[in-house]
Protein backbone atom coordinates (compact mmCIF):
# COMPACT_ATOMS: atom_id res chain seq x y z
CA MET A 1 5.25 18.20 -12.07
CA ILE A 2 5.33 14.46 -11.78
CA THR A 3 1.88 12.92 -11.96
CA ARG A 4 2.37 9.68 -13.91
CA VAL A 5 0.65 6.68 -12.38
CA ALA A 6 3.01 3.86 -11.48
CA SER A 7 1.03 0.75 -12.42
CA GLN A 8 -2.46 -0.67 -12.84
CA HIS A 9 -4.09 -3.07 -10.38
CA ALA A 10 -7.74 -4.05 -10.63
CA PHE A 11 -8.44 -4.76 -6.98
CA ALA A 12 -10.06 -1.65 -5.48
CA LEU A 13 -8.17 -1.21 -2.23
CA VAL A 14 -4.89 -2.07 -3.87
CA VAL A 15 -5.55 0.60 -6.48
CA ALA A 16 -6.31 3.12 -3.76
CA GLY A 17 -3.00 2.41 -2.12
CA ALA A 18 -0.67 1.65 -5.04
CA LEU A 19 -1.73 4.44 -7.41
CA MET A 20 -2.17 7.38 -5.04
CA LEU A 21 0.22 10.15 -6.14
CA ALA A 22 0.67 13.67 -4.82
CA SER A 23 1.05 16.68 -7.08
CA THR A 24 4.50 18.13 -6.30
CA THR A 25 6.18 20.93 -8.22
CA PHE A 26 9.80 20.39 -9.14
CA ALA A 27 12.42 23.09 -9.44
CA GLN A 28 11.56 26.09 -11.58
CA ASP A 29 14.42 25.39 -13.94
CA GLU A 30 12.55 24.18 -17.00
CA THR A 31 15.44 22.13 -18.34
CA LYS A 32 15.88 20.31 -15.05
CA LYS A 33 12.15 19.82 -14.82
CA ARG A 34 11.95 18.24 -18.28
CA GLU A 35 14.89 15.98 -17.48
CA ALA A 36 13.23 14.85 -14.26
CA GLU A 37 9.96 14.17 -16.08
CA ALA A 38 11.81 12.11 -18.68
CA VAL A 39 13.56 10.02 -16.01
CA PHE A 40 10.29 9.50 -14.15
CA LYS A 41 8.59 8.41 -17.38
CA GLN A 42 11.35 5.88 -18.02
CA ALA A 43 10.80 4.46 -14.54
CA THR A 44 7.02 4.27 -14.76
CA ASP A 45 7.12 2.82 -18.28
CA LEU A 46 9.26 0.00 -16.90
CA MET A 47 6.91 -0.48 -13.96
CA ASP A 48 3.94 -0.63 -16.32
CA LYS A 49 5.70 -3.59 -17.92
CA LYS A 50 6.35 -5.06 -14.45
CA GLU A 51 10.10 -4.51 -14.88
CA TYR A 52 10.48 -3.20 -11.35
CA GLY A 53 14.18 -3.92 -10.86
CA PRO A 54 15.35 -1.86 -13.85
CA ALA A 55 13.05 0.99 -12.73
CA ILE A 56 14.71 1.33 -9.33
CA PRO A 57 17.93 3.16 -10.43
CA TYR A 58 15.85 5.82 -12.20
CA LEU A 59 13.71 6.37 -9.12
CA GLN A 60 16.73 6.43 -6.83
CA GLN A 61 18.30 9.07 -9.06
CA LEU A 62 15.17 11.19 -8.70
CA GLN A 63 15.02 10.59 -4.95
CA THR A 64 18.55 11.96 -4.62
CA GLU A 65 17.51 15.14 -6.40
CA TYR A 66 13.99 15.39 -4.96
CA PRO A 67 13.97 13.53 -1.61
CA ASP A 68 10.54 14.86 -0.61
CA ASN A 69 8.64 14.09 -3.79
CA HIS A 70 5.64 11.97 -2.93
CA ALA A 71 5.31 10.35 -6.37
CA VAL A 72 8.96 9.29 -6.45
CA LEU A 73 8.84 7.81 -2.95
CA TRP A 74 5.59 5.97 -3.61
CA ASN A 75 6.79 4.38 -6.83
CA LEU A 76 10.18 3.52 -5.33
CA GLY A 77 8.50 1.80 -2.40
CA ILE A 78 6.31 -0.22 -4.76
CA ALA A 79 9.36 -1.21 -6.84
CA PHE A 80 11.22 -2.40 -3.73
CA VAL A 81 8.20 -4.45 -2.64
CA GLU A 82 7.87 -6.09 -6.04
CA THR A 83 11.57 -7.04 -6.02
CA ASN A 84 11.34 -8.38 -2.45
CA GLU A 85 13.70 -5.73 -1.08
CA ASN A 86 11.53 -5.31 1.97
CA ALA A 87 14.08 -3.58 4.22
CA LYS A 88 14.56 -0.88 1.59
CA ALA A 89 10.80 -0.69 1.12
CA ALA A 90 10.37 -0.11 4.86
CA GLU A 91 12.90 2.73 4.80
CA THR A 92 11.10 4.28 1.84
CA TRP A 93 7.69 4.05 3.51
CA LYS A 94 9.12 5.62 6.69
CA ARG A 95 10.44 8.49 4.62
CA LEU A 96 7.04 8.85 2.95
CA GLN A 97 5.40 9.07 6.36
CA GLN A 98 7.65 12.00 7.18
CA VAL A 99 6.87 13.70 3.87
CA ALA A 100 3.12 12.97 3.94
CA PRO A 101 2.03 12.49 7.57
CA ASP A 102 -1.64 12.68 6.54
CA ASP A 103 -1.38 9.75 4.12
CA TRP A 104 -2.73 6.72 5.98
CA ARG A 105 -1.67 4.44 3.13
CA ALA A 106 1.99 5.03 3.96
CA ILE A 107 1.35 3.54 7.41
CA SER A 108 -0.44 0.57 5.86
CA LYS A 109 2.49 0.02 3.50
CA LEU A 110 4.90 0.05 6.43
CA VAL A 111 2.74 -2.56 8.18
CA GLN A 112 3.13 -4.76 5.11
CA ALA A 113 6.89 -4.21 4.96
CA TYR A 114 7.42 -5.18 8.59
CA GLN A 115 5.19 -8.23 8.10
CA ALA A 116 7.36 -9.30 5.17
CA LEU A 117 10.49 -8.77 7.29
CA GLY A 118 9.02 -10.80 10.15
CA ASP A 119 9.36 -7.83 12.54
CA ILE A 120 6.10 -8.48 14.39
CA LYS A 121 6.69 -5.89 17.12
CA ALA A 122 7.30 -3.11 14.61
CA ARG A 123 4.32 -4.30 12.56
CA ASP A 124 2.00 -4.20 15.55
CA ASN A 125 3.24 -0.72 16.51
CA GLU A 126 2.35 0.54 13.04
CA ILE A 127 -1.07 -1.15 13.18
CA LYS A 128 -1.72 0.61 16.49
CA LYS A 129 -0.59 3.88 14.91
CA LEU A 130 -2.97 3.32 12.00
CA TYR A 131 -5.93 2.73 14.33
CA GLU A 132 -5.10 5.93 16.21
CA PHE A 133 -4.67 7.83 12.96
CA ARG A 134 -8.13 6.77 11.79
CA LYS A 135 -9.68 7.56 15.15
CA ASN A 136 -8.21 11.05 15.39
CA SER A 137 -8.37 12.09 11.74
CA PRO A 138 -10.61 15.08 10.95
CA ASP A 139 -11.12 13.67 7.45
CA PRO A 140 -14.51 11.90 7.22
CA LYS A 141 -13.17 9.68 4.44
CA VAL A 142 -10.42 8.40 6.72
CA LYS A 143 -12.83 7.92 9.60
CA GLY A 144 -15.07 5.95 7.26
CA LEU A 145 -12.37 3.48 6.25
CA GLU A 146 -13.53 -0.08 6.84
CA ARG A 147 -10.28 -1.96 6.39
CA PHE A 148 -6.62 -1.79 5.41
CA CYS A 149 -4.18 -4.12 3.69
CA ARG A 150 -1.80 -5.60 6.26
CA GLU A 151 0.04 -8.14 4.11
CA GLN A 152 0.91 -9.01 0.52
CA PHE A 153 2.08 -12.50 -0.32
CA THR A 154 2.64 -14.90 -3.19
CA ILE A 155 1.76 -18.60 -2.99
CA SER A 156 2.56 -20.87 -5.94
CA GLY A 157 2.92 -17.80 -8.14
CA GLN A 158 -0.47 -16.46 -7.11
CA LYS A 159 -0.65 -12.95 -5.65
CA GLY A 160 -2.65 -12.51 -2.47
CA PHE A 161 -3.59 -9.82 0.04
CA ALA A 162 -4.72 -9.90 3.65
CA PHE A 163 -7.07 -7.16 4.83
CA GLU A 164 -7.99 -6.29 8.40
CA TYR A 165 -11.25 -4.57 9.34
CA PHE A 166 -10.97 -1.71 11.82
CA PHE A 167 -14.26 -2.26 13.65
CA PRO A 168 -16.39 -5.19 12.42
CA LEU A 169 -20.09 -4.38 12.64
CA GLY A 170 -23.42 -5.97 11.85
CA PRO A 171 -24.69 -9.54 11.97
CA TRP A 172 -21.97 -10.69 9.54
CA LYS A 173 -18.86 -9.30 11.21
CA LYS A 174 -15.64 -9.69 9.23
CA TYR A 175 -12.28 -9.35 10.97
CA PHE A 176 -10.00 -10.44 8.14
CA VAL A 177 -10.36 -11.09 4.41
CA PHE A 178 -7.80 -12.96 2.33
CA SER A 179 -8.02 -12.15 -1.37
CA ALA A 180 -6.33 -14.02 -4.23
CA LEU A 181 -5.79 -12.42 -7.64
CA ASP A 182 -5.53 -14.05 -11.05
CA GLU A 183 -2.79 -13.33 -13.60
CA ASN A 184 -4.69 -10.25 -14.79
CA GLY A 185 -4.88 -8.69 -11.33
CA GLN A 186 -8.58 -9.49 -10.90
CA GLU A 187 -9.87 -11.01 -7.68
CA LYS A 188 -10.15 -14.75 -8.20
CA PHE A 189 -11.63 -15.60 -4.82
CA SER A 190 -11.62 -14.43 -1.22
CA ILE A 191 -11.90 -16.05 2.20
CA SER A 192 -13.19 -14.15 5.21
CA LEU A 193 -12.67 -14.73 8.91
CA GLY A 194 -15.38 -13.31 11.12
CA SER A 195 -18.09 -13.78 13.72
CA TYR A 196 -21.59 -14.28 12.40
CA ASP A 197 -24.60 -13.86 14.67
CA LEU A 198 -26.54 -16.70 13.06
CA THR A 199 -23.66 -19.11 13.64
CA THR A 200 -22.95 -18.06 17.21
CA GLU A 201 -26.64 -18.18 18.12
CA ASN A 202 -26.95 -21.72 16.76
CA VAL A 203 -23.84 -22.81 18.64
CA ALA A 204 -25.20 -21.33 21.86
CA ARG A 205 -28.40 -23.34 21.52
CA THR A 206 -26.45 -26.61 21.42
CA TRP A 207 -25.08 -26.11 24.94
């Protein structure tokens, strides 16, 4: 079965999304299975070296043979994102939603793809779907999710992520966090947008 991790990212929520793979058994034919494993290893070895473009044909070959394999779809979607083929990424994430309807990360990835495409209506529909998914999920881990990644971007060669909080709580409510990574994938700094009780109370006193 294919279980090889696609790539390594240090930032926690990115890891949770980018490296999540399902365990899916390929055909019983041992020869075919070994061939598929070899092709998948070629693809993931390239992705480990950040050679996403060359990895795509290998993953597309596997997708043709195993269209419902979670690991193949996930890695292919990541490769399309990294090569700025956002329309193809969106199609891949939609397919992954069909294959793994209980994987909330697939919805989050589709939000990011539509954001990159500038399709705001489709993006907002997926965000609404994600909120409903969290609300109705029987999984306590899903219900306990604080935030999701709604956008990936690059500014002056620096990778960044935008996170949205589902339901900001407490005296230091955060609605959005923008995180910038360094060249090693470590968080360099972050900027939050929120509503803080201490600030709003002080403002109220000035009126």
